[in-house]
Amino acid sequence: MNPQDASRAYLTATIENAPPIQIVRLLYQGALRFLGQAMALEGGPTDSEFRPLLRRVEDIVVELRLALDQEVSDDAAVPQNLERLYLYCEDELFRAQLDQSMEPLENVKKVLMVLLDAWKQLELETGEAA
């Protein structure tokens, strides 16, 4: 097995065996990584990589929204509030593409950073940290 295949197999095994909270954290980190790459493009919103990177961010945000379980929380407002935040991020990503503007990306970044911090805290409190 070559090193690249071994690395891919290790990554796959790590994700498949990760607790759900860690997977959510990894999704946020991935979305923020793609968002950062889009924001760092020299050509800005006119760069050919801008839309594909934002689509990757959007795919992650949509997946997080669709994975919400309305029955899990004792507080019904939690999944509803998360859904609103995800929809806001989706709207801002769309606006960034439509207006070819970086400003909406700052808004998305702020929301995702706060949510990532909250999930990290939850991961620590529940003892599911890696």
C-alpha atoms as a PDB file:
ATOM      1  CA  MET A   1       0.000   0.000   0.000  1.00  0.00           C
ATOM      2  CA  ASN A   2       1.461   3.350  -0.994  1.00  0.00           C
ATOM      3  CA  PRO A   3       1.605   6.199   1.551  1.00  0.00           C
ATOM      4  CA  GLN A   4      -1.280   8.115  -0.039  1.00  0.00           C
ATOM      5  CA  ASP A   5      -3.590   5.073   0.131  1.00  0.00           C
ATOM      6  CA  ALA A   6      -2.520   4.405   3.715  1.00  0.00           C
ATOM      7  CA  SER A   7      -3.244   8.015   4.649  1.00  0.00           C
ATOM      8  CA  ARG A   8      -6.677   7.865   3.024  1.00  0.00           C
ATOM      9  CA  ALA A   9      -7.469   4.567   4.804  1.00  0.00           C
ATOM     10  CA  TYR A  10      -6.393   6.035   8.152  1.00  0.00           C
ATOM     11  CA  LEU A  11      -8.563   9.115   7.631  1.00  0.00           C
ATOM     12  CA  THR A  12     -11.557   6.987   6.656  1.00  0.00           C
ATOM     13  CA  ALA A  13     -11.143   4.762   9.725  1.00  0.00           C
ATOM     14  CA  THR A  14     -10.756   7.782  11.989  1.00  0.00           C
ATOM     15  CA  ILE A  15     -13.989   9.341  10.742  1.00  0.00           C
ATOM     16  CA  GLU A  16     -15.948   6.087  10.784  1.00  0.00           C
ATOM     17  CA  ASN A  17     -14.988   5.464  14.415  1.00  0.00           C
ATOM     18  CA  ALA A  18     -15.372   9.040  15.650  1.00  0.00           C
ATOM     19  CA  PRO A  19     -18.108   9.987  18.109  1.00  0.00           C
ATOM     20  CA  PRO A  20     -20.919  12.101  16.578  1.00  0.00           C
ATOM     21  CA  ILE A  21     -19.794  15.276  18.361  1.00  0.00           C
ATOM     22  CA  GLN A  22     -16.329  14.934  16.859  1.00  0.00           C
ATOM     23  CA  ILE A  23     -17.807  14.461  13.392  1.00  0.00           C
ATOM     24  CA  VAL A  24     -19.849  17.650  13.794  1.00  0.00           C
ATOM     25  CA  ARG A  25     -16.700  19.480  14.916  1.00  0.00           C
ATOM     26  CA  LEU A  26     -14.814  18.156  11.880  1.00  0.00           C
ATOM     27  CA  LEU A  27     -17.600  19.366   9.590  1.00  0.00           C
ATOM     28  CA  TYR A  28     -17.413  22.876  11.062  1.00  0.00           C
ATOM     29  CA  GLN A  29     -13.637  22.867  10.692  1.00  0.00           C
ATOM     30  CA  GLY A  30     -13.948  21.762   7.071  1.00  0.00           C
ATOM     31  CA  ALA A  31     -16.505  24.467   6.295  1.00  0.00           C
ATOM     32  CA  LEU A  32     -14.275  27.093   7.898  1.00  0.00           C
ATOM     33  CA  ARG A  33     -11.237  25.811   5.988  1.00  0.00           C
ATOM     34  CA  PHE A  34     -13.042  26.069   2.618  1.00  0.00           C
ATOM     35  CA  LEU A  35     -14.443  29.467   3.600  1.00  0.00           C
ATOM     36  CA  GLY A  36     -10.960  30.684   4.497  1.00  0.00           C
ATOM     37  CA  GLN A  37      -9.628  29.460   1.170  1.00  0.00           C
ATOM     38  CA  ALA A  38     -12.383  31.338  -0.674  1.00  0.00           C
ATOM     39  CA  MET A  39     -11.714  34.495   1.316  1.00  0.00           C
ATOM     40  CA  ALA A  40      -7.974  34.277   0.586  1.00  0.00           C
ATOM     41  CA  LEU A  41      -8.300  34.020  -3.198  1.00  0.00           C
ATOM     42  CA  GLU A  42      -6.271  36.705  -4.917  1.00  0.00           C
ATOM     43  CA  GLY A  43      -8.981  37.278  -7.504  1.00  0.00           C
ATOM     44  CA  GLY A  44     -11.616  37.495  -4.790  1.00  0.00           C
ATOM     45  CA  PRO A  45     -15.155  36.642  -5.840  1.00  0.00           C
ATOM     46  CA  THR A  46     -14.176  36.762  -9.526  1.00  0.00           C
ATOM     47  CA  ASP A  47     -11.631  33.941  -9.098  1.00  0.00           C
ATOM     48  CA  SER A  48     -12.653  30.712 -10.825  1.00  0.00           C
ATOM     49  CA  GLU A  49     -12.263  28.782  -7.554  1.00  0.00           C
ATOM     50  CA  PHE A  50     -14.597  31.079  -5.574  1.00  0.00           C
ATOM     51  CA  ARG A  51     -17.898  29.389  -6.413  1.00  0.00           C
ATOM     52  CA  PRO A  52     -16.637  25.790  -6.043  1.00  0.00           C
ATOM     53  CA  LEU A  53     -15.219  26.589  -2.601  1.00  0.00           C
ATOM     54  CA  LEU A  54     -18.452  28.253  -1.516  1.00  0.00           C
ATOM     55  CA  ARG A  55     -20.406  25.254  -2.797  1.00  0.00           C
ATOM     56  CA  ARG A  56     -18.330  23.028  -0.524  1.00  0.00           C
ATOM     57  CA  VAL A  57     -19.102  25.281   2.438  1.00  0.00           C
ATOM     58  CA  GLU A  58     -22.768  25.290   1.485  1.00  0.00           C
ATOM     59  CA  ASP A  59     -22.828  21.487   1.141  1.00  0.00           C
ATOM     60  CA  ILE A  60     -21.528  21.149   4.696  1.00  0.00           C
ATOM     61  CA  VAL A  61     -23.955  23.721   6.123  1.00  0.00           C
ATOM     62  CA  VAL A  62     -26.898  22.089   4.329  1.00  0.00           C
ATOM     63  CA  GLU A  63     -25.843  18.669   5.621  1.00  0.00           C
ATOM     64  CA  LEU A  64     -25.627  20.013   9.179  1.00  0.00           C
ATOM     65  CA  ARG A  65     -29.097  21.542   8.822  1.00  0.00           C
ATOM     66  CA  LEU A  66     -30.626  18.384   7.368  1.00  0.00           C
ATOM     67  CA  ALA A  67     -29.063  16.269  10.117  1.00  0.00           C
ATOM     68  CA  LEU A  68     -30.754  18.239  12.888  1.00  0.00           C
ATOM     69  CA  ASP A  69     -32.858  16.009  15.107  1.00  0.00           C
ATOM     70  CA  GLN A  70     -35.819  17.914  16.503  1.00  0.00           C
ATOM     71  CA  GLU A  71     -36.396  15.168  19.110  1.00  0.00           C
ATOM     72  CA  VAL A  72     -32.897  15.046  20.642  1.00  0.00           C
ATOM     73  CA  SER A  73     -32.923  18.156  22.810  1.00  0.00           C
ATOM     74  CA  ASP A  74     -34.990  18.738  25.930  1.00  0.00           C
ATOM     75  CA  ASP A  75     -35.168  22.328  24.733  1.00  0.00           C
ATOM     76  CA  ALA A  76     -37.049  22.438  21.420  1.00  0.00           C
ATOM     77  CA  ALA A  77     -35.596  25.877  20.720  1.00  0.00           C
ATOM     78  CA  VAL A  78     -32.060  24.498  20.254  1.00  0.00           C
ATOM     79  CA  PRO A  79     -32.582  22.666  16.945  1.00  0.00           C
ATOM     80  CA  GLN A  80     -34.891  25.443  15.718  1.00  0.00           C
ATOM     81  CA  ASN A  81     -32.260  28.089  16.474  1.00  0.00           C
ATOM     82  CA  LEU A  82     -29.553  26.015  14.825  1.00  0.00           C
ATOM     83  CA  GLU A  83     -31.749  25.615  11.768  1.00  0.00           C
ATOM     84  CA  ARG A  84     -32.228  29.402  11.581  1.00  0.00           C
ATOM     85  CA  LEU A  85     -28.464  29.955  11.842  1.00  0.00           C
ATOM     86  CA  TYR A  86     -27.772  27.403   9.118  1.00  0.00           C
ATOM     87  CA  LEU A  87     -30.399  28.984   6.850  1.00  0.00           C
ATOM     88  CA  TYR A  88     -28.848  32.390   7.507  1.00  0.00           C
ATOM     89  CA  CYS A  89     -25.435  31.015   6.493  1.00  0.00           C
ATOM     90  CA  GLU A  90     -26.906  29.490   3.344  1.00  0.00           C
ATOM     91  CA  ASP A  91     -28.501  32.855   2.456  1.00  0.00           C
ATOM     92  CA  GLU A  92     -25.224  34.700   3.058  1.00  0.00           C
ATOM     93  CA  LEU A  93     -23.291  32.222   0.908  1.00  0.00           C
ATOM     94  CA  PHE A  94     -25.828  32.746  -1.869  1.00  0.00           C
ATOM     95  CA  ARG A  95     -25.584  36.532  -1.453  1.00  0.00           C
ATOM     96  CA  ALA A  96     -21.772  36.372  -1.656  1.00  0.00           C
ATOM     97  CA  GLN A  97     -22.015  34.577  -4.987  1.00  0.00           C
ATOM     98  CA  LEU A  98     -24.810  36.736  -6.352  1.00  0.00           C
ATOM     99  CA  ASP A  99     -23.227  40.055  -5.353  1.00  0.00           C
ATOM    100  CA  GLN A 100     -19.659  38.802  -5.844  1.00  0.00           C
ATOM    101  CA  SER A 101     -18.909  40.158  -2.394  1.00  0.00           C
ATOM    102  CA  MET A 102     -16.711  39.030   0.477  1.00  0.00           C
ATOM    103  CA  GLU A 103     -18.781  40.796   3.155  1.00  0.00           C
ATOM    104  CA  PRO A 104     -21.358  38.012   3.565  1.00  0.00           C
ATOM    105  CA  LEU A 105     -18.516  35.523   4.060  1.00  0.00           C
ATOM    106  CA  GLU A 106     -17.404  37.385   7.179  1.00  0.00           C
ATOM    107  CA  ASN A 107     -20.907  36.900   8.575  1.00  0.00           C
ATOM    108  CA  VAL A 108     -20.829  33.175   7.817  1.00  0.00           C
ATOM    109  CA  LYS A 109     -17.375  32.868   9.359  1.00  0.00           C
ATOM    110  CA  LYS A 110     -18.533  34.535  12.587  1.00  0.00           C
ATOM    111  CA  VAL A 111     -21.535  32.224  12.914  1.00  0.00           C
ATOM    112  CA  LEU A 112     -19.542  29.067  12.179  1.00  0.00           C
ATOM    113  CA  MET A 113     -16.761  30.059  14.587  1.00  0.00           C
ATOM    114  CA  VAL A 114     -19.237  30.600  17.440  1.00  0.00           C
ATOM    115  CA  LEU A 115     -20.954  27.301  16.702  1.00  0.00           C
ATOM    116  CA  LEU A 116     -17.627  25.466  16.473  1.00  0.00           C
ATOM    117  CA  ASP A 117     -16.599  26.854  19.859  1.00  0.00           C
ATOM    118  CA  ALA A 118     -19.920  25.739  21.337  1.00  0.00           C
ATOM    119  CA  TRP A 119     -19.524  22.206  19.962  1.00  0.00           C
ATOM    120  CA  LYS A 120     -15.945  22.037  21.256  1.00  0.00           C
ATOM    121  CA  GLN A 121     -17.198  23.020  24.703  1.00  0.00           C
ATOM    122  CA  LEU A 122     -19.944  20.400  24.542  1.00  0.00           C
ATOM    123  CA  GLU A 123     -17.379  17.811  23.449  1.00  0.00           C
ATOM    124  CA  LEU A 124     -15.259  18.607  26.506  1.00  0.00           C
ATOM    125  CA  GLU A 125     -18.221  18.605  28.890  1.00  0.00           C
ATOM    126  CA  THR A 126     -19.518  15.253  27.691  1.00  0.00           C
ATOM    127  CA  GLY A 127     -16.099  13.631  27.686  1.00  0.00           C
ATOM    128  CA  GLU A 128     -16.290  12.758  23.993  1.00  0.00           C
ATOM    129  CA  ALA A 129     -13.108  14.667  23.149  1.00  0.00           C
ATOM    130  CA  ALA A 130     -10.673  12.833  20.949  1.00  0.00           C
END
